[in-house]
Amino acid sequence: MRQAIIAAIFAVAVPFAAQASHHMKGEAKPDIVDTAVQADDFNTLVAAVKAAGLVDTLKGDGPYTVFAPTDAAFAALPEGTLDSLLKPENKAKLTAILTYHVVPGKVMAGDLSGKTLDVATVQGGKVDVNGTDGVTVDGARVVMADIETSNGVIHVIDRVILPE
């Protein structure tokens, strides 16, 4: 019985200690792209980033703040919109839409609390950020905030935002 208890303690303690040592060694967090891939709710976003040739950019040093639409947000676009955007001849338009979701620098939700701002995007346009009742970006609600990555932060939004 005593051996079973000791074995059970080691079964719990050893993996926990190994996990803690990885964090203590400062093991790097995944970057924005790898975080999106691992989350499994951004398959459409990841496919679009690949089609637009933005993988290397979003794996770069940053920091970047990404307002990331979920797969459901992309599915809510008018029928045929996504298929059209993913065609090679529409790469420039797709790139413009995706970079409209990216802001230079690392902006945490707490930085936006109680504020309304026009924030410049990587695309060149500005998004309206409203932090007075939760956080919205061009009317899209941030449904999960502050997912930290090695090169910035991701805020999950409930719809795709489009530049004018």
C-alpha atoms as a PDB file:
ATOM      1  CA  MET A   1       0.000   0.000   0.000  1.00  0.00           C
ATOM      2  CA  ARG A   2       2.790   2.383   0.949  1.00  0.00           C
ATOM      3  CA  GLN A   3       4.545   1.762  -2.394  1.00  0.00           C
ATOM      4  CA  ALA A   4       1.322   2.562  -4.270  1.00  0.00           C
ATOM      5  CA  ILE A   5       0.995   5.879  -2.428  1.00  0.00           C
ATOM      6  CA  ILE A   6       4.631   6.802  -3.157  1.00  0.00           C
ATOM      7  CA  ALA A   7       4.177   5.838  -6.813  1.00  0.00           C
ATOM      8  CA  ALA A   8       1.026   7.992  -7.017  1.00  0.00           C
ATOM      9  CA  ILE A   9       2.850  10.965  -5.485  1.00  0.00           C
ATOM     10  CA  PHE A  10       5.695  10.624  -7.999  1.00  0.00           C
ATOM     11  CA  ALA A  11       3.234  10.208 -10.876  1.00  0.00           C
ATOM     12  CA  VAL A  12       1.785  13.626 -10.040  1.00  0.00           C
ATOM     13  CA  ALA A  13       4.918  15.415  -8.802  1.00  0.00           C
ATOM     14  CA  VAL A  14       7.368  14.518 -11.568  1.00  0.00           C
ATOM     15  CA  PRO A  15       5.337  15.856 -14.558  1.00  0.00           C
ATOM     16  CA  PHE A  16       4.422  18.967 -12.533  1.00  0.00           C
ATOM     17  CA  ALA A  17       8.079  19.597 -11.693  1.00  0.00           C
ATOM     18  CA  ALA A  18       9.095  19.096 -15.330  1.00  0.00           C
ATOM     19  CA  GLN A  19       6.408  21.543 -16.483  1.00  0.00           C
ATOM     20  CA  ALA A  20       7.446  24.101 -13.865  1.00  0.00           C
ATOM     21  CA  SER A  21      11.105  23.812 -14.856  1.00  0.00           C
ATOM     22  CA  HIS A  22      10.229  24.643 -18.495  1.00  0.00           C
ATOM     23  CA  HIS A  23       8.548  27.847 -17.331  1.00  0.00           C
ATOM     24  CA  MET A  24      11.425  28.666 -14.985  1.00  0.00           C
ATOM     25  CA  LYS A  25      13.944  28.264 -17.809  1.00  0.00           C
ATOM     26  CA  GLY A  26      12.052  30.977 -19.668  1.00  0.00           C
ATOM     27  CA  GLU A  27      10.952  28.701 -22.477  1.00  0.00           C
ATOM     28  CA  ALA A  28       9.597  30.980 -25.171  1.00  0.00           C
ATOM     29  CA  LYS A  29       5.891  31.336 -25.820  1.00  0.00           C
ATOM     30  CA  PRO A  30       4.781  30.522 -29.351  1.00  0.00           C
ATOM     31  CA  ASP A  31       4.502  33.415 -31.814  1.00  0.00           C
ATOM     32  CA  ILE A  32       1.235  34.806 -33.160  1.00  0.00           C
ATOM     33  CA  VAL A  33       0.960  32.315 -36.039  1.00  0.00           C
ATOM     34  CA  ASP A  34       1.822  29.241 -33.957  1.00  0.00           C
ATOM     35  CA  THR A  35      -0.591  30.354 -31.224  1.00  0.00           C
ATOM     36  CA  ALA A  36      -3.388  30.693 -33.792  1.00  0.00           C
ATOM     37  CA  VAL A  37      -2.595  27.252 -35.239  1.00  0.00           C
ATOM     38  CA  GLN A  38      -2.612  25.648 -31.778  1.00  0.00           C
ATOM     39  CA  ALA A  39      -5.911  27.307 -30.785  1.00  0.00           C
ATOM     40  CA  ASP A  40      -7.819  25.416 -33.511  1.00  0.00           C
ATOM     41  CA  ASP A  41     -10.519  28.115 -33.791  1.00  0.00           C
ATOM     42  CA  PHE A  42      -8.554  30.146 -36.334  1.00  0.00           C
ATOM     43  CA  ASN A  43      -8.201  27.657 -39.193  1.00  0.00           C
ATOM     44  CA  THR A  44      -9.706  30.114 -41.698  1.00  0.00           C
ATOM     45  CA  LEU A  45      -7.528  32.973 -40.435  1.00  0.00           C
ATOM     46  CA  VAL A  46      -4.401  30.823 -40.686  1.00  0.00           C
ATOM     47  CA  ALA A  47      -5.336  29.727 -44.229  1.00  0.00           C
ATOM     48  CA  ALA A  48      -5.929  33.365 -45.197  1.00  0.00           C
ATOM     49  CA  VAL A  49      -2.618  34.479 -43.660  1.00  0.00           C
ATOM     50  CA  LYS A  50      -0.849  31.759 -45.684  1.00  0.00           C
ATOM     51  CA  ALA A  51      -2.697  32.723 -48.902  1.00  0.00           C
ATOM     52  CA  ALA A  52      -1.748  36.386 -48.388  1.00  0.00           C
ATOM     53  CA  GLY A  53       1.909  35.525 -47.759  1.00  0.00           C
ATOM     54  CA  LEU A  54       1.864  37.077 -44.270  1.00  0.00           C
ATOM     55  CA  VAL A  55       3.198  34.127 -42.258  1.00  0.00           C
ATOM     56  CA  ASP A  56       6.774  35.462 -42.079  1.00  0.00           C
ATOM     57  CA  THR A  57       5.527  38.923 -41.120  1.00  0.00           C
ATOM     58  CA  LEU A  58       3.397  37.612 -38.255  1.00  0.00           C
ATOM     59  CA  LYS A  59       6.243  35.368 -37.123  1.00  0.00           C
ATOM     60  CA  GLY A  60       8.557  38.421 -37.093  1.00  0.00           C
ATOM     61  CA  ASP A  61       9.828  40.324 -34.083  1.00  0.00           C
ATOM     62  CA  GLY A  62       6.798  42.590 -33.673  1.00  0.00           C
ATOM     63  CA  PRO A  63       5.360  43.350 -31.325  1.00  0.00           C
ATOM     64  CA  TYR A  64       1.940  43.210 -32.929  1.00  0.00           C
ATOM     65  CA  THR A  65      -1.605  43.317 -31.637  1.00  0.00           C
ATOM     66  CA  VAL A  66      -3.872  41.103 -33.711  1.00  0.00           C
ATOM     67  CA  PHE A  67      -7.647  41.298 -33.628  1.00  0.00           C
ATOM     68  CA  ALA A  68      -8.284  37.714 -34.710  1.00  0.00           C
ATOM     69  CA  PRO A  69     -11.658  36.685 -36.157  1.00  0.00           C
ATOM     70  CA  THR A  70     -12.729  33.137 -35.341  1.00  0.00           C
ATOM     71  CA  ASP A  71     -13.732  30.560 -37.934  1.00  0.00           C
ATOM     72  CA  ALA A  72     -17.372  31.410 -37.103  1.00  0.00           C
ATOM     73  CA  ALA A  73     -16.674  35.096 -37.847  1.00  0.00           C
ATOM     74  CA  PHE A  74     -15.336  34.201 -41.303  1.00  0.00           C
ATOM     75  CA  ALA A  75     -18.301  31.857 -41.871  1.00  0.00           C
ATOM     76  CA  ALA A  76     -20.653  34.804 -41.211  1.00  0.00           C
ATOM     77  CA  LEU A  77     -19.295  36.723 -44.235  1.00  0.00           C
ATOM     78  CA  PRO A  78     -21.692  36.852 -47.207  1.00  0.00           C
ATOM     79  CA  GLU A  79     -21.661  33.623 -49.191  1.00  0.00           C
ATOM     80  CA  GLY A  80     -18.772  33.401 -51.638  1.00  0.00           C
ATOM     81  CA  THR A  81     -16.810  36.287 -50.073  1.00  0.00           C
ATOM     82  CA  LEU A  82     -14.121  34.143 -48.490  1.00  0.00           C
ATOM     83  CA  ASP A  83     -13.719  31.911 -51.543  1.00  0.00           C
ATOM     84  CA  SER A  84     -13.301  35.007 -53.685  1.00  0.00           C
ATOM     85  CA  LEU A  85     -10.730  36.549 -51.316  1.00  0.00           C
ATOM     86  CA  LEU A  86      -8.629  33.371 -51.281  1.00  0.00           C
ATOM     87  CA  LYS A  87      -8.181  33.424 -55.078  1.00  0.00           C
ATOM     88  CA  PRO A  88      -4.651  34.406 -56.159  1.00  0.00           C
ATOM     89  CA  GLU A  89      -5.949  37.382 -58.169  1.00  0.00           C
ATOM     90  CA  ASN A  90      -7.407  38.869 -54.955  1.00  0.00           C
ATOM     91  CA  LYS A  91      -4.245  38.534 -52.868  1.00  0.00           C
ATOM     92  CA  ALA A  92      -3.827  42.329 -52.518  1.00  0.00           C
ATOM     93  CA  LYS A  93      -7.382  42.738 -51.226  1.00  0.00           C
ATOM     94  CA  LEU A  94      -6.974  39.796 -48.824  1.00  0.00           C
ATOM     95  CA  THR A  95      -3.686  41.251 -47.565  1.00  0.00           C
ATOM     96  CA  ALA A  96      -5.346  44.632 -46.988  1.00  0.00           C
ATOM     97  CA  ILE A  97      -8.162  43.028 -44.979  1.00  0.00           C
ATOM     98  CA  LEU A  98      -5.821  40.913 -42.866  1.00  0.00           C
ATOM     99  CA  THR A  99      -3.371  43.741 -42.136  1.00  0.00           C
ATOM    100  CA  TYR A 100      -6.375  45.884 -41.129  1.00  0.00           C
ATOM    101  CA  HIS A 101      -6.711  43.435 -38.194  1.00  0.00           C
ATOM    102  CA  VAL A 102      -3.118  44.137 -37.051  1.00  0.00           C
ATOM    103  CA  VAL A 103      -1.904  47.077 -34.979  1.00  0.00           C
ATOM    104  CA  PRO A 104       1.796  47.817 -34.415  1.00  0.00           C
ATOM    105  CA  GLY A 105       2.838  47.399 -30.783  1.00  0.00           C
ATOM    106  CA  LYS A 106       1.475  45.296 -27.942  1.00  0.00           C
ATOM    107  CA  VAL A 107      -1.838  46.670 -26.676  1.00  0.00           C
ATOM    108  CA  MET A 108      -3.448  44.839 -23.762  1.00  0.00           C
ATOM    109  CA  ALA A 109      -7.182  45.107 -23.031  1.00  0.00           C
ATOM    110  CA  GLY A 110      -6.431  47.030 -19.831  1.00  0.00           C
ATOM    111  CA  ASP A 111      -4.719  49.715 -21.940  1.00  0.00           C
ATOM    112  CA  LEU A 112      -8.055  50.289 -23.702  1.00  0.00           C
ATOM    113  CA  SER A 113     -10.361  50.260 -20.694  1.00  0.00           C
ATOM    114  CA  GLY A 114     -12.579  53.344 -20.541  1.00  0.00           C
ATOM    115  CA  LYS A 115     -11.123  54.824 -23.729  1.00  0.00           C
ATOM    116  CA  THR A 116     -12.309  55.445 -27.270  1.00  0.00           C
ATOM    117  CA  LEU A 117      -9.508  55.661 -29.809  1.00  0.00           C
ATOM    118  CA  ASP A 118      -8.771  55.688 -33.522  1.00  0.00           C
ATOM    119  CA  VAL A 119      -5.838  53.324 -33.888  1.00  0.00           C
ATOM    120  CA  ALA A 120      -3.597  53.063 -36.967  1.00  0.00           C
ATOM    121  CA  THR A 121      -3.368  49.576 -38.448  1.00  0.00           C
ATOM    122  CA  VAL A 122      -0.550  47.923 -40.394  1.00  0.00           C
ATOM    123  CA  GLN A 123      -2.821  48.246 -43.469  1.00  0.00           C
ATOM    124  CA  GLY A 124      -2.704  52.046 -43.125  1.00  0.00           C
ATOM    125  CA  GLY A 125      -6.298  52.679 -42.137  1.00  0.00           C
ATOM    126  CA  LYS A 126      -7.598  53.310 -38.648  1.00  0.00           C
ATOM    127  CA  VAL A 127      -9.875  51.167 -36.512  1.00  0.00           C
ATOM    128  CA  ASP A 128     -12.315  52.608 -34.006  1.00  0.00           C
ATOM    129  CA  VAL A 129     -11.562  51.045 -30.623  1.00  0.00           C
ATOM    130  CA  ASN A 130     -14.112  51.495 -27.867  1.00  0.00           C
ATOM    131  CA  GLY A 131     -13.196  50.275 -24.389  1.00  0.00           C
ATOM    132  CA  THR A 132     -16.095  51.844 -22.493  1.00  0.00           C
ATOM    133  CA  ASP A 133     -18.289  48.704 -22.376  1.00  0.00           C
ATOM    134  CA  GLY A 134     -15.982  45.758 -22.842  1.00  0.00           C
ATOM    135  CA  VAL A 135     -13.870  46.315 -25.966  1.00  0.00           C
ATOM    136  CA  THR A 136     -15.053  46.654 -29.547  1.00  0.00           C
ATOM    137  CA  VAL A 137     -13.020  47.221 -32.708  1.00  0.00           C
ATOM    138  CA  ASP A 138     -14.977  48.738 -35.594  1.00  0.00           C
ATOM    139  CA  GLY A 139     -18.052  47.272 -33.913  1.00  0.00           C
ATOM    140  CA  ALA A 140     -16.633  43.744 -33.578  1.00  0.00           C
ATOM    141  CA  ARG A 141     -16.695  42.604 -29.948  1.00  0.00           C
ATOM    142  CA  VAL A 142     -13.528  41.283 -28.306  1.00  0.00           C
ATOM    143  CA  VAL A 143     -14.713  37.948 -26.926  1.00  0.00           C
ATOM    144  CA  MET A 144     -11.364  36.834 -25.508  1.00  0.00           C
ATOM    145  CA  ALA A 145      -8.563  39.257 -24.719  1.00  0.00           C
ATOM    146  CA  ASP A 146      -4.878  39.261 -23.896  1.00  0.00           C
ATOM    147  CA  ILE A 147      -3.622  36.000 -25.404  1.00  0.00           C
ATOM    148  CA  GLU A 148       0.074  36.759 -25.042  1.00  0.00           C
ATOM    149  CA  THR A 149       2.551  35.455 -27.602  1.00  0.00           C
ATOM    150  CA  SER A 150       6.299  35.789 -28.034  1.00  0.00           C
ATOM    151  CA  ASN A 151       5.828  38.667 -30.493  1.00  0.00           C
ATOM    152  CA  GLY A 152       2.653  40.394 -29.336  1.00  0.00           C
ATOM    153  CA  VAL A 153      -0.887  39.749 -28.242  1.00  0.00           C
ATOM    154  CA  ILE A 154      -4.064  38.337 -29.787  1.00  0.00           C
ATOM    155  CA  HIS A 155      -7.573  39.567 -29.022  1.00  0.00           C
ATOM    156  CA  VAL A 156     -10.303  37.295 -30.395  1.00  0.00           C
ATOM    157  CA  ILE A 157     -13.133  39.153 -32.151  1.00  0.00           C
ATOM    158  CA  ASP A 158     -16.584  37.968 -33.165  1.00  0.00           C
ATOM    159  CA  ARG A 159     -16.591  39.227 -36.774  1.00  0.00           C
ATOM    160  CA  VAL A 160     -14.297  40.151 -39.629  1.00  0.00           C
ATOM    161  CA  ILE A 161     -13.653  43.902 -39.848  1.00  0.00           C
ATOM    162  CA  LEU A 162     -13.205  45.504 -43.248  1.00  0.00           C
ATOM    163  CA  PRO A 163     -11.297  48.634 -44.269  1.00  0.00           C
ATOM    164  CA  GLU A 164     -13.285  51.317 -46.079  1.00  0.00           C
END
